[in-house]
Amino acid sequence: MAPPRGALGGLVDRLGLSDEEVLAIFELDALGAIAGDVEHRPEVEILAALCAEADERLGPGALARWLRSGRPPSRPLDLLLGGDFGAFEDALTRRVDEAAP
């Protein structure tokens, strides 16, 4: 799959998501993901903004490492795959707060 565009592309880059993970998490088809056609998934914009802010505070690559930390089913990635975006947001907030000086 070609890299997604827009907010989805930024989210994929920051979190290091695979093509399969992106399609599963946001229930997208490959063509829609490539085109950045995600208007029907408002959580994409919300998560992209939250992750952009977290990435600035934590540094490059930190979110991708954190996403896969732990063991299934308790990794942050598992929250996304399960569609529990609220729990993911809470976990992300805790991670950023832990790193605060």
PDB file of N, CA and C in Angstrom:
ATOM      1  N   MET A   1       0.852  -1.176   0.000  1.00  0.00           N
ATOM      2  CA  MET A   1       0.000   0.000   0.000  1.00  0.00           C
ATOM      3  C   MET A   1       0.895   1.235   0.000  1.00  0.00           C
ATOM      4  N   ALA A   2       0.535   2.217  -0.787  1.00  0.00           N
ATOM      5  CA  ALA A   2       1.264   3.489  -0.794  1.00  0.00           C
ATOM      6  C   ALA A   2       1.014   4.208   0.526  1.00  0.00           C
ATOM      7  N   PRO A   3       1.930   5.074   0.939  1.00  0.00           N
ATOM      8  CA  PRO A   3       1.740   5.773   2.205  1.00  0.00           C
ATOM      9  C   PRO A   3       0.460   6.607   2.203  1.00  0.00           C
ATOM     10  N   PRO A   4      -0.316   6.531   3.294  1.00  0.00           N
ATOM     11  CA  PRO A   4      -1.511   7.368   3.402  1.00  0.00           C
ATOM     12  C   PRO A   4      -1.126   8.839   3.479  1.00  0.00           C
ATOM     13  N   ARG A   5      -2.069   9.691   3.142  1.00  0.00           N
ATOM     14  CA  ARG A   5      -1.842  11.131   3.145  1.00  0.00           C
ATOM     15  C   ARG A   5      -2.483  11.782   4.360  1.00  0.00           C
ATOM     16  N   GLY A   6      -2.123  13.041   4.557  1.00  0.00           N
ATOM     17  CA  GLY A   6      -2.774  13.877   5.557  1.00  0.00           C
ATOM     18  C   GLY A   6      -2.588  13.402   6.978  1.00  0.00           C
ATOM     19  N   ALA A   7      -3.634  13.595   7.772  1.00  0.00           N
ATOM     20  CA  ALA A   7      -3.595  13.249   9.191  1.00  0.00           C
ATOM     21  C   ALA A   7      -3.287  11.768   9.385  1.00  0.00           C
ATOM     22  N   LEU A   8      -3.862  10.936   8.535  1.00  0.00           N
ATOM     23  CA  LEU A   8      -3.622   9.498   8.653  1.00  0.00           C
ATOM     24  C   LEU A   8      -2.148   9.183   8.410  1.00  0.00           C
ATOM     25  N   GLY A   9      -1.545   9.831   7.431  1.00  0.00           N
ATOM     26  CA  GLY A   9      -0.130   9.610   7.149  1.00  0.00           C
ATOM     27  C   GLY A   9       0.757  10.002   8.318  1.00  0.00           C
ATOM     28  N   GLY A  10       0.454  11.138   8.937  1.00  0.00           N
ATOM     29  CA  GLY A  10       1.218  11.568  10.101  1.00  0.00           C
ATOM     30  C   GLY A  10       1.087  10.602  11.259  1.00  0.00           C
ATOM     31  N   LEU A  11      -0.110  10.093  11.453  1.00  0.00           N
ATOM     32  CA  LEU A  11      -0.362   9.133  12.520  1.00  0.00           C
ATOM     33  C   LEU A  11       0.407   7.838  12.270  1.00  0.00           C
ATOM     34  N   VAL A  12       0.374   7.372  11.040  1.00  0.00           N
ATOM     35  CA  VAL A  12       1.101   6.151  10.669  1.00  0.00           C
ATOM     36  C   VAL A  12       2.594   6.335  10.917  1.00  0.00           C
ATOM     37  N   ASP A  13       3.138   7.466  10.514  1.00  0.00           N
ATOM     38  CA  ASP A  13       4.563   7.732  10.697  1.00  0.00           C
ATOM     39  C   ASP A  13       4.936   7.796  12.178  1.00  0.00           C
ATOM     40  N   ARG A  14       4.170   8.524  12.950  1.00  0.00           N
ATOM     41  CA  ARG A  14       4.508   8.697  14.369  1.00  0.00           C
ATOM     42  C   ARG A  14       4.387   7.398  15.161  1.00  0.00           C
ATOM     43  N   LEU A  15       3.370   6.589  14.831  1.00  0.00           N
ATOM     44  CA  LEU A  15       3.134   5.364  15.592  1.00  0.00           C
ATOM     45  C   LEU A  15       3.808   4.139  14.981  1.00  0.00           C
ATOM     46  N   GLY A  16       4.323   4.276  13.773  1.00  0.00           N
ATOM     47  CA  GLY A  16       4.977   3.143  13.130  1.00  0.00           C
ATOM     48  C   GLY A  16       4.017   2.002  12.828  1.00  0.00           C
ATOM     49  N   LEU A  17       2.802   2.353  12.404  1.00  0.00           N
ATOM     50  CA  LEU A  17       1.779   1.344  12.134  1.00  0.00           C
ATOM     51  C   LEU A  17       2.016   0.667  10.789  1.00  0.00           C
ATOM     52  N   SER A  18       1.724  -0.623  10.732  1.00  0.00           N
ATOM     53  CA  SER A  18       1.792  -1.347   9.465  1.00  0.00           C
ATOM     54  C   SER A  18       0.523  -1.066   8.665  1.00  0.00           C
ATOM     55  N   ASP A  19       0.565  -1.394   7.380  1.00  0.00           N
ATOM     56  CA  ASP A  19      -0.617  -1.229   6.535  1.00  0.00           C
ATOM     57  C   ASP A  19      -1.802  -1.981   7.108  1.00  0.00           C
ATOM     58  N   GLU A  20      -1.562  -3.219   7.509  1.00  0.00           N
ATOM     59  CA  GLU A  20      -2.645  -4.053   8.045  1.00  0.00           C
ATOM     60  C   GLU A  20      -3.231  -3.462   9.324  1.00  0.00           C
ATOM     61  N   GLU A  21      -2.365  -2.920  10.165  1.00  0.00           N
ATOM     62  CA  GLU A  21      -2.843  -2.316  11.410  1.00  0.00           C
ATOM     63  C   GLU A  21      -3.709  -1.100  11.133  1.00  0.00           C
ATOM     64  N   VAL A  22      -3.289  -0.251  10.206  1.00  0.00           N
ATOM     65  CA  VAL A  22      -4.064   0.948   9.866  1.00  0.00           C
ATOM     66  C   VAL A  22      -5.451   0.557   9.368  1.00  0.00           C
ATOM     67  N   LEU A  23      -5.493  -0.396   8.453  1.00  0.00           N
ATOM     68  CA  LEU A  23      -6.781  -0.813   7.895  1.00  0.00           C
ATOM     69  C   LEU A  23      -7.681  -1.402   8.970  1.00  0.00           C
ATOM     70  N   ALA A  24      -7.114  -2.198   9.867  1.00  0.00           N
ATOM     71  CA  ALA A  24      -7.909  -2.823  10.926  1.00  0.00           C
ATOM     72  C   ALA A  24      -8.375  -1.801  11.967  1.00  0.00           C
ATOM     73  N   ILE A  25      -7.484  -0.939  12.403  1.00  0.00           N
ATOM     74  CA  ILE A  25      -7.819   0.019  13.461  1.00  0.00           C
ATOM     75  C   ILE A  25      -8.946   0.953  13.026  1.00  0.00           C
ATOM     76  N   PHE A  26      -8.836   1.472  11.811  1.00  0.00           N
ATOM     77  CA  PHE A  26      -9.794   2.471  11.365  1.00  0.00           C
ATOM     78  C   PHE A  26     -10.855   1.912  10.420  1.00  0.00           C
ATOM     79  N   GLU A  27     -10.865   0.594  10.257  1.00  0.00           N
ATOM     80  CA  GLU A  27     -11.854  -0.080   9.411  1.00  0.00           C
ATOM     81  C   GLU A  27     -11.926   0.582   8.036  1.00  0.00           C
ATOM     82  N   LEU A  28     -10.761   0.678   7.399  1.00  0.00           N
ATOM     83  CA  LEU A  28     -10.642   1.314   6.090  1.00  0.00           C
ATOM     84  C   LEU A  28     -10.349   0.281   5.012  1.00  0.00           C
ATOM     85  N   ASP A  29     -10.662   0.635   3.777  1.00  0.00           N
ATOM     86  CA  ASP A  29     -10.199  -0.171   2.661  1.00  0.00           C
ATOM     87  C   ASP A  29      -8.904   0.461   2.174  1.00  0.00           C
ATOM     88  N   ALA A  30      -8.086  -0.311   1.473  1.00  0.00           N
ATOM     89  CA  ALA A  30      -6.761   0.154   1.068  1.00  0.00           C
ATOM     90  C   ALA A  30      -6.818   1.412   0.208  1.00  0.00           C
ATOM     91  N   LEU A  31      -7.725   1.483  -0.736  1.00  0.00           N
ATOM     92  CA  LEU A  31      -7.804   2.655  -1.608  1.00  0.00           C
ATOM     93  C   LEU A  31      -8.184   3.911  -0.836  1.00  0.00           C
ATOM     94  N   GLY A  32      -9.112   3.766   0.090  1.00  0.00           N
ATOM     95  CA  GLY A  32      -9.500   4.910   0.911  1.00  0.00           C
ATOM     96  C   GLY A  32      -8.349   5.401   1.775  1.00  0.00           C
ATOM     97  N   ALA A  33      -7.579   4.467   2.313  1.00  0.00           N
ATOM     98  CA  ALA A  33      -6.438   4.841   3.147  1.00  0.00           C
ATOM     99  C   ALA A  33      -5.377   5.562   2.324  1.00  0.00           C
ATOM    100  N   ILE A  34      -5.088   5.053   1.141  1.00  0.00           N
ATOM    101  CA  ILE A  34      -4.087   5.681   0.268  1.00  0.00           C
ATOM    102  C   ILE A  34      -4.510   7.098  -0.100  1.00  0.00           C
ATOM    103  N   ALA A  35      -5.782   7.256  -0.398  1.00  0.00           N
ATOM    104  CA  ALA A  35      -6.300   8.565  -0.794  1.00  0.00           C
ATOM    105  C   ALA A  35      -6.477   9.513   0.387  1.00  0.00           C
ATOM    106  N   GLY A  36      -6.374   8.979   1.597  1.00  0.00           N
ATOM    107  CA  GLY A  36      -6.592   9.804   2.775  1.00  0.00           C
ATOM    108  C   GLY A  36      -8.055  10.096   3.015  1.00  0.00           C
ATOM    109  N   ASP A  37      -8.924   9.248   2.480  1.00  0.00           N
ATOM    110  CA  ASP A  37     -10.372   9.411   2.601  1.00  0.00           C
ATOM    111  C   ASP A  37     -10.829   8.867   3.955  1.00  0.00           C
ATOM    112  N   VAL A  38     -10.695   9.706   4.986  1.00  0.00           N
ATOM    113  CA  VAL A  38     -11.008   9.275   6.349  1.00  0.00           C
ATOM    114  C   VAL A  38     -11.980  10.218   7.058  1.00  0.00           C
ATOM    115  N   GLU A  39     -12.697  11.047   6.272  1.00  0.00           N
ATOM    116  CA  GLU A  39     -13.612  12.010   6.888  1.00  0.00           C
ATOM    117  C   GLU A  39     -14.658  11.316   7.765  1.00  0.00           C
ATOM    118  N   HIS A  40     -15.010  10.095   7.423  1.00  0.00           N
ATOM    119  CA  HIS A  40     -16.018   9.349   8.183  1.00  0.00           C
ATOM    120  C   HIS A  40     -15.444   8.764   9.475  1.00  0.00           C
ATOM    121  N   ARG A  41     -14.155   8.970   9.717  1.00  0.00           N
ATOM    122  CA  ARG A  41     -13.505   8.476  10.928  1.00  0.00           C
ATOM    123  C   ARG A  41     -12.898   9.658  11.687  1.00  0.00           C
ATOM    124  N   PRO A  42     -13.708  10.390  12.456  1.00  0.00           N
ATOM    125  CA  PRO A  42     -13.208  11.596  13.125  1.00  0.00           C
ATOM    126  C   PRO A  42     -12.072  11.319  14.108  1.00  0.00           C
ATOM    127  N   GLU A  43     -11.975  10.096  14.593  1.00  0.00           N
ATOM    128  CA  GLU A  43     -10.901   9.783  15.539  1.00  0.00           C
ATOM    129  C   GLU A  43      -9.521   9.888  14.893  1.00  0.00           C
ATOM    130  N   VAL A  44      -9.437   9.785  13.571  1.00  0.00           N
ATOM    131  CA  VAL A  44      -8.142   9.927  12.902  1.00  0.00           C
ATOM    132  C   VAL A  44      -7.568  11.313  13.173  1.00  0.00           C
ATOM    133  N   GLU A  45      -8.345  12.359  12.952  1.00  0.00           N
ATOM    134  CA  GLU A  45      -7.877  13.735  13.182  1.00  0.00           C
ATOM    135  C   GLU A  45      -7.544  13.958  14.657  1.00  0.00           C
ATOM    136  N   ILE A  46      -8.393  13.446  15.528  1.00  0.00           N
ATOM    137  CA  ILE A  46      -8.174  13.630  16.970  1.00  0.00           C
ATOM    138  C   ILE A  46      -6.893  12.946  17.409  1.00  0.00           C
ATOM    139  N   LEU A  47      -6.728  11.679  17.024  1.00  0.00           N
ATOM    140  CA  LEU A  47      -5.524  10.942  17.407  1.00  0.00           C
ATOM    141  C   LEU A  47      -4.274  11.545  16.764  1.00  0.00           C
ATOM    142  N   ALA A  48      -4.405  12.007  15.526  1.00  0.00           N
ATOM    143  CA  ALA A  48      -3.255  12.628  14.857  1.00  0.00           C
ATOM    144  C   ALA A  48      -2.788  13.858  15.624  1.00  0.00           C
ATOM    145  N   ALA A  49      -3.719  14.680  16.067  1.00  0.00           N
ATOM    146  CA  ALA A  49      -3.361  15.885  16.825  1.00  0.00           C
ATOM    147  C   ALA A  49      -2.736  15.521  18.173  1.00  0.00           C
ATOM    148  N   LEU A  50      -3.339  14.568  18.871  1.00  0.00           N
ATOM    149  CA  LEU A  50      -2.795  14.146  20.168  1.00  0.00           C
ATOM    150  C   LEU A  50      -1.398  13.562  20.020  1.00  0.00           C
ATOM    151  N   CYS A  51      -1.213  12.744  18.989  1.00  0.00           N
ATOM    152  CA  CYS A  51       0.087  12.106  18.787  1.00  0.00           C
ATOM    153  C   CYS A  51       1.139  13.099  18.318  1.00  0.00           C
ATOM    154  N   ALA A  52       0.744  14.108  17.553  1.00  0.00           N
ATOM    155  CA  ALA A  52       1.690  15.141  17.129  1.00  0.00           C
ATOM    156  C   ALA A  52       2.217  15.889  18.344  1.00  0.00           C
ATOM    157  N   GLU A  53       1.316  16.233  19.247  1.00  0.00           N
ATOM    158  CA  GLU A  53       1.727  16.936  20.469  1.00  0.00           C
ATOM    159  C   GLU A  53       2.624  16.049  21.332  1.00  0.00           C
ATOM    160  N   ALA A  54       2.227  14.788  21.486  1.00  0.00           N
ATOM    161  CA  ALA A  54       3.025  13.856  22.290  1.00  0.00           C
ATOM    162  C   ALA A  54       4.400  13.634  21.668  1.00  0.00           C
ATOM    163  N   ASP A  55       4.451  13.553  20.346  1.00  0.00           N
ATOM    164  CA  ASP A  55       5.717  13.339  19.648  1.00  0.00           C
ATOM    165  C   ASP A  55       6.673  14.498  19.888  1.00  0.00           C
ATOM    166  N   GLU A  56       6.134  15.716  19.911  1.00  0.00           N
ATOM    167  CA  GLU A  56       6.973  16.889  20.190  1.00  0.00           C
ATOM    168  C   GLU A  56       7.557  16.822  21.589  1.00  0.00           C
ATOM    169  N   ARG A  57       6.772  16.351  22.526  1.00  0.00           N
ATOM    170  CA  ARG A  57       7.225  16.306  23.918  1.00  0.00           C
ATOM    171  C   ARG A  57       8.135  15.117  24.199  1.00  0.00           C
ATOM    172  N   LEU A  58       7.887  13.977  23.542  1.00  0.00           N
ATOM    173  CA  LEU A  58       8.644  12.760  23.835  1.00  0.00           C
ATOM    174  C   LEU A  58       9.851  12.558  22.935  1.00  0.00           C
ATOM    175  N   GLY A  59       9.811  13.128  21.748  1.00  0.00           N
ATOM    176  CA  GLY A  59      10.915  12.974  20.809  1.00  0.00           C
ATOM    177  C   GLY A  59      10.628  11.937  19.745  1.00  0.00           C
ATOM    178  N   PRO A  60      11.342  12.026  18.632  1.00  0.00           N
ATOM    179  CA  PRO A  60      11.130  11.124  17.494  1.00  0.00           C
ATOM    180  C   PRO A  60      11.316   9.654  17.879  1.00  0.00           C
ATOM    181  N   GLY A  61      10.409   8.827  17.412  1.00  0.00           N
ATOM    182  CA  GLY A  61      10.499   7.389  17.631  1.00  0.00           C
ATOM    183  C   GLY A  61       9.941   6.896  18.947  1.00  0.00           C
ATOM    184  N   ALA A  62       9.726   7.793  19.899  1.00  0.00           N
ATOM    185  CA  ALA A  62       9.271   7.364  21.224  1.00  0.00           C
ATOM    186  C   ALA A  62       7.866   6.760  21.180  1.00  0.00           C
ATOM    187  N   LEU A  63       6.981   7.347  20.387  1.00  0.00           N
ATOM    188  CA  LEU A  63       5.614   6.826  20.332  1.00  0.00           C
ATOM    189  C   LEU A  63       5.567   5.430  19.711  1.00  0.00           C
ATOM    190  N   ALA A  64       6.343   5.211  18.668  1.00  0.00           N
ATOM    191  CA  ALA A  64       6.351   3.894  18.023  1.00  0.00           C
ATOM    192  C   ALA A  64       6.865   2.826  18.990  1.00  0.00           C
ATOM    193  N   ARG A  65       7.877   3.150  19.769  1.00  0.00           N
ATOM    194  CA  ARG A  65       8.389   2.184  20.760  1.00  0.00           C
ATOM    195  C   ARG A  65       7.350   1.941  21.851  1.00  0.00           C
ATOM    196  N   TRP A  66       6.742   3.016  22.340  1.00  0.00           N
ATOM    197  CA  TRP A  66       5.755   2.898  23.408  1.00  0.00           C
ATOM    198  C   TRP A  66       4.539   2.092  22.953  1.00  0.00           C
ATOM    199  N   LEU A  67       4.119   2.282  21.705  1.00  0.00           N
ATOM    200  CA  LEU A  67       2.927   1.626  21.179  1.00  0.00           C
ATOM    201  C   LEU A  67       3.011   0.114  21.317  1.00  0.00           C
ATOM    202  N   ARG A  68       4.205  -0.438  21.171  1.00  0.00           N
ATOM    203  CA  ARG A  68       4.387  -1.894  21.202  1.00  0.00           C
ATOM    204  C   ARG A  68       4.976  -2.393  22.513  1.00  0.00           C
ATOM    205  N   SER A  69       5.078  -1.514  23.494  1.00  0.00           N
ATOM    206  CA  SER A  69       5.640  -1.920  24.780  1.00  0.00           C
ATOM    207  C   SER A  69       4.619  -2.742  25.563  1.00  0.00           C
ATOM    208  N   GLY A  70       5.129  -3.641  26.361  1.00  0.00           N
ATOM    209  CA  GLY A  70       4.251  -4.515  27.133  1.00  0.00           C
ATOM    210  C   GLY A  70       3.932  -5.780  26.373  1.00  0.00           C
ATOM    211  N   ARG A  71       2.995  -6.520  26.919  1.00  0.00           N
ATOM    212  CA  ARG A  71       2.593  -7.781  26.310  1.00  0.00           C
ATOM    213  C   ARG A  71       1.127  -7.734  25.935  1.00  0.00           C
ATOM    214  N   PRO A  72       0.793  -8.401  24.830  1.00  0.00           N
ATOM    215  CA  PRO A  72      -0.632  -8.470  24.470  1.00  0.00           C
ATOM    216  C   PRO A  72      -1.409  -9.113  25.611  1.00  0.00           C
ATOM    217  N   PRO A  73      -2.554  -8.691  25.938  1.00  0.00           N
ATOM    218  CA  PRO A  73      -3.404  -7.688  25.311  1.00  0.00           C
ATOM    219  C   PRO A  73      -3.338  -6.325  25.982  1.00  0.00           C
ATOM    220  N   SER A  74      -2.234  -6.031  26.671  1.00  0.00           N
ATOM    221  CA  SER A  74      -2.182  -4.777  27.432  1.00  0.00           C
ATOM    222  C   SER A  74      -1.315  -3.695  26.789  1.00  0.00           C
ATOM    223  N   ARG A  75      -0.877  -3.888  25.552  1.00  0.00           N
ATOM    224  CA  ARG A  75      -0.087  -2.861  24.865  1.00  0.00           C
ATOM    225  C   ARG A  75      -1.003  -1.740  24.379  1.00  0.00           C
ATOM    226  N   PRO A  76      -0.464  -0.539  24.242  1.00  0.00           N
ATOM    227  CA  PRO A  76      -1.260   0.544  23.647  1.00  0.00           C
ATOM    228  C   PRO A  76      -1.789   0.175  22.261  1.00  0.00           C
ATOM    229  N   LEU A  77      -1.012  -0.567  21.483  1.00  0.00           N
ATOM    230  CA  LEU A  77      -1.469  -1.013  20.172  1.00  0.00           C
ATOM    231  C   LEU A  77      -2.747  -1.832  20.280  1.00  0.00           C
ATOM    232  N   ASP A  78      -2.858  -2.645  21.304  1.00  0.00           N
ATOM    233  CA  ASP A  78      -4.054  -3.470  21.481  1.00  0.00           C
ATOM    234  C   ASP A  78      -5.298  -2.627  21.746  1.00  0.00           C
ATOM    235  N   LEU A  79      -5.116  -1.491  22.405  1.00  0.00           N
ATOM    236  CA  LEU A  79      -6.242  -0.577  22.622  1.00  0.00           C
ATOM    237  C   LEU A  79      -6.756  -0.052  21.285  1.00  0.00           C
ATOM    238  N   LEU A  80      -5.823   0.326  20.403  1.00  0.00           N
ATOM    239  CA  LEU A  80      -6.226   0.807  19.081  1.00  0.00           C
ATOM    240  C   LEU A  80      -6.886  -0.298  18.266  1.00  0.00           C
ATOM    241  N   LEU A  81      -6.284  -1.461  18.257  1.00  0.00           N
ATOM    242  CA  LEU A  81      -6.842  -2.574  17.489  1.00  0.00           C
ATOM    243  C   LEU A  81      -8.226  -2.958  17.988  1.00  0.00           C
ATOM    244  N   GLY A  82      -8.463  -2.769  19.281  1.00  0.00           N
ATOM    245  CA  GLY A  82      -9.767  -3.059  19.869  1.00  0.00           C
ATOM    246  C   GLY A  82     -10.764  -1.924  19.704  1.00  0.00           C
ATOM    247  N   GLY A  83     -10.330  -0.815  19.100  1.00  0.00           N
ATOM    248  CA  GLY A  83     -11.225   0.313  18.893  1.00  0.00           C
ATOM    249  C   GLY A  83     -11.507   1.125  20.145  1.00  0.00           C
ATOM    250  N   ASP A  84     -10.684   0.945  21.177  1.00  0.00           N
ATOM    251  CA  ASP A  84     -10.880   1.668  22.430  1.00  0.00           C
ATOM    252  C   ASP A  84     -10.035   2.943  22.405  1.00  0.00           C
ATOM    253  N   PHE A  85     -10.485   3.911  21.612  1.00  0.00           N
ATOM    254  CA  PHE A  85      -9.727   5.131  21.404  1.00  0.00           C
ATOM    255  C   PHE A  85      -9.655   5.979  22.667  1.00  0.00           C
ATOM    256  N   GLY A  86     -10.683   5.947  23.483  1.00  0.00           N
ATOM    257  CA  GLY A  86     -10.666   6.693  24.739  1.00  0.00           C
ATOM    258  C   GLY A  86      -9.598   6.168  25.683  1.00  0.00           C
ATOM    259  N   ALA A  87      -9.490   4.851  25.799  1.00  0.00           N
ATOM    260  CA  ALA A  87      -8.464   4.256  26.657  1.00  0.00           C
ATOM    261  C   ALA A  87      -7.073   4.534  26.103  1.00  0.00           C
ATOM    262  N   PHE A  88      -6.943   4.537  24.778  1.00  0.00           N
ATOM    263  CA  PHE A  88      -5.652   4.866  24.166  1.00  0.00           C
ATOM    264  C   PHE A  88      -5.276   6.302  24.502  1.00  0.00           C
ATOM    265  N   GLU A  89      -6.230   7.225  24.384  1.00  0.00           N
ATOM    266  CA  GLU A  89      -5.961   8.626  24.718  1.00  0.00           C
ATOM    267  C   GLU A  89      -5.526   8.763  26.171  1.00  0.00           C
ATOM    268  N   ASP A  90      -6.193   8.045  27.072  1.00  0.00           N
ATOM    269  CA  ASP A  90      -5.815   8.085  28.491  1.00  0.00           C
ATOM    270  C   ASP A  90      -4.402   7.555  28.697  1.00  0.00           C
ATOM    271  N   ALA A  91      -4.066   6.444  28.028  1.00  0.00           N
ATOM    272  CA  ALA A  91      -2.733   5.855  28.148  1.00  0.00           C
ATOM    273  C   ALA A  91      -1.675   6.802  27.591  1.00  0.00           C
ATOM    274  N   LEU A  92      -1.979   7.458  26.484  1.00  0.00           N
ATOM    275  CA  LEU A  92      -1.050   8.415  25.882  1.00  0.00           C
ATOM    276  C   LEU A  92      -0.821   9.594  26.819  1.00  0.00           C
ATOM    277  N   THR A  93      -1.878  10.074  27.425  1.00  0.00           N
ATOM    278  CA  THR A  93      -1.748  11.186  28.381  1.00  0.00           C
ATOM    279  C   THR A  93      -0.864  10.787  29.560  1.00  0.00           C
ATOM    280  N   ARG A  94      -1.078   9.564  30.074  1.00  0.00           N
ATOM    281  CA  ARG A  94      -0.230   9.080  31.181  1.00  0.00           C
ATOM    282  C   ARG A  94       1.231   8.998  30.759  1.00  0.00           C
ATOM    283  N   ARG A  95       1.474   8.516  29.552  1.00  0.00           N
ATOM    284  CA  ARG A  95       2.858   8.378  29.067  1.00  0.00           C
ATOM    285  C   ARG A  95       3.528   9.742  28.964  1.00  0.00           C
ATOM    286  N   VAL A  96       2.827  10.711  28.430  1.00  0.00           N
ATOM    287  CA  VAL A  96       3.397  12.053  28.285  1.00  0.00           C
ATOM    288  C   VAL A  96       3.629  12.659  29.670  1.00  0.00           C
ATOM    289  N   ASP A  97       2.679  12.477  30.576  1.00  0.00           N
ATOM    290  CA  ASP A  97       2.832  13.013  31.934  1.00  0.00           C
ATOM    291  C   ASP A  97       4.011  12.389  32.668  1.00  0.00           C
ATOM    292  N   GLU A  98       4.239  11.085  32.440  1.00  0.00           N
ATOM    293  CA  GLU A  98       5.376  10.396  33.070  1.00  0.00           C
ATOM    294  C   GLU A  98       6.709  10.977  32.615  1.00  0.00           C
ATOM    295  N   ALA A  99       6.748  11.428  31.374  1.00  0.00           N
ATOM    296  CA  ALA A  99       7.991  11.951  30.799  1.00  0.00           C
ATOM    297  C   ALA A  99       8.221  13.420  31.123  1.00  0.00           C
ATOM    298  N   ALA A 100       7.214  14.078  31.677  1.00  0.00           N
ATOM    299  CA  ALA A 100       7.324  15.512  31.971  1.00  0.00           C
ATOM    300  C   ALA A 100       8.384  15.732  33.047  1.00  0.00           C
ATOM    301  N   PRO A 101       9.199  16.794  32.876  1.00  0.00           N
ATOM    302  CA  PRO A 101      10.260  17.071  33.877  1.00  0.00           C
ATOM    303  C   PRO A 101       9.691  17.553  35.183  1.00  0.00           C
TER     304      PRO A 101
END
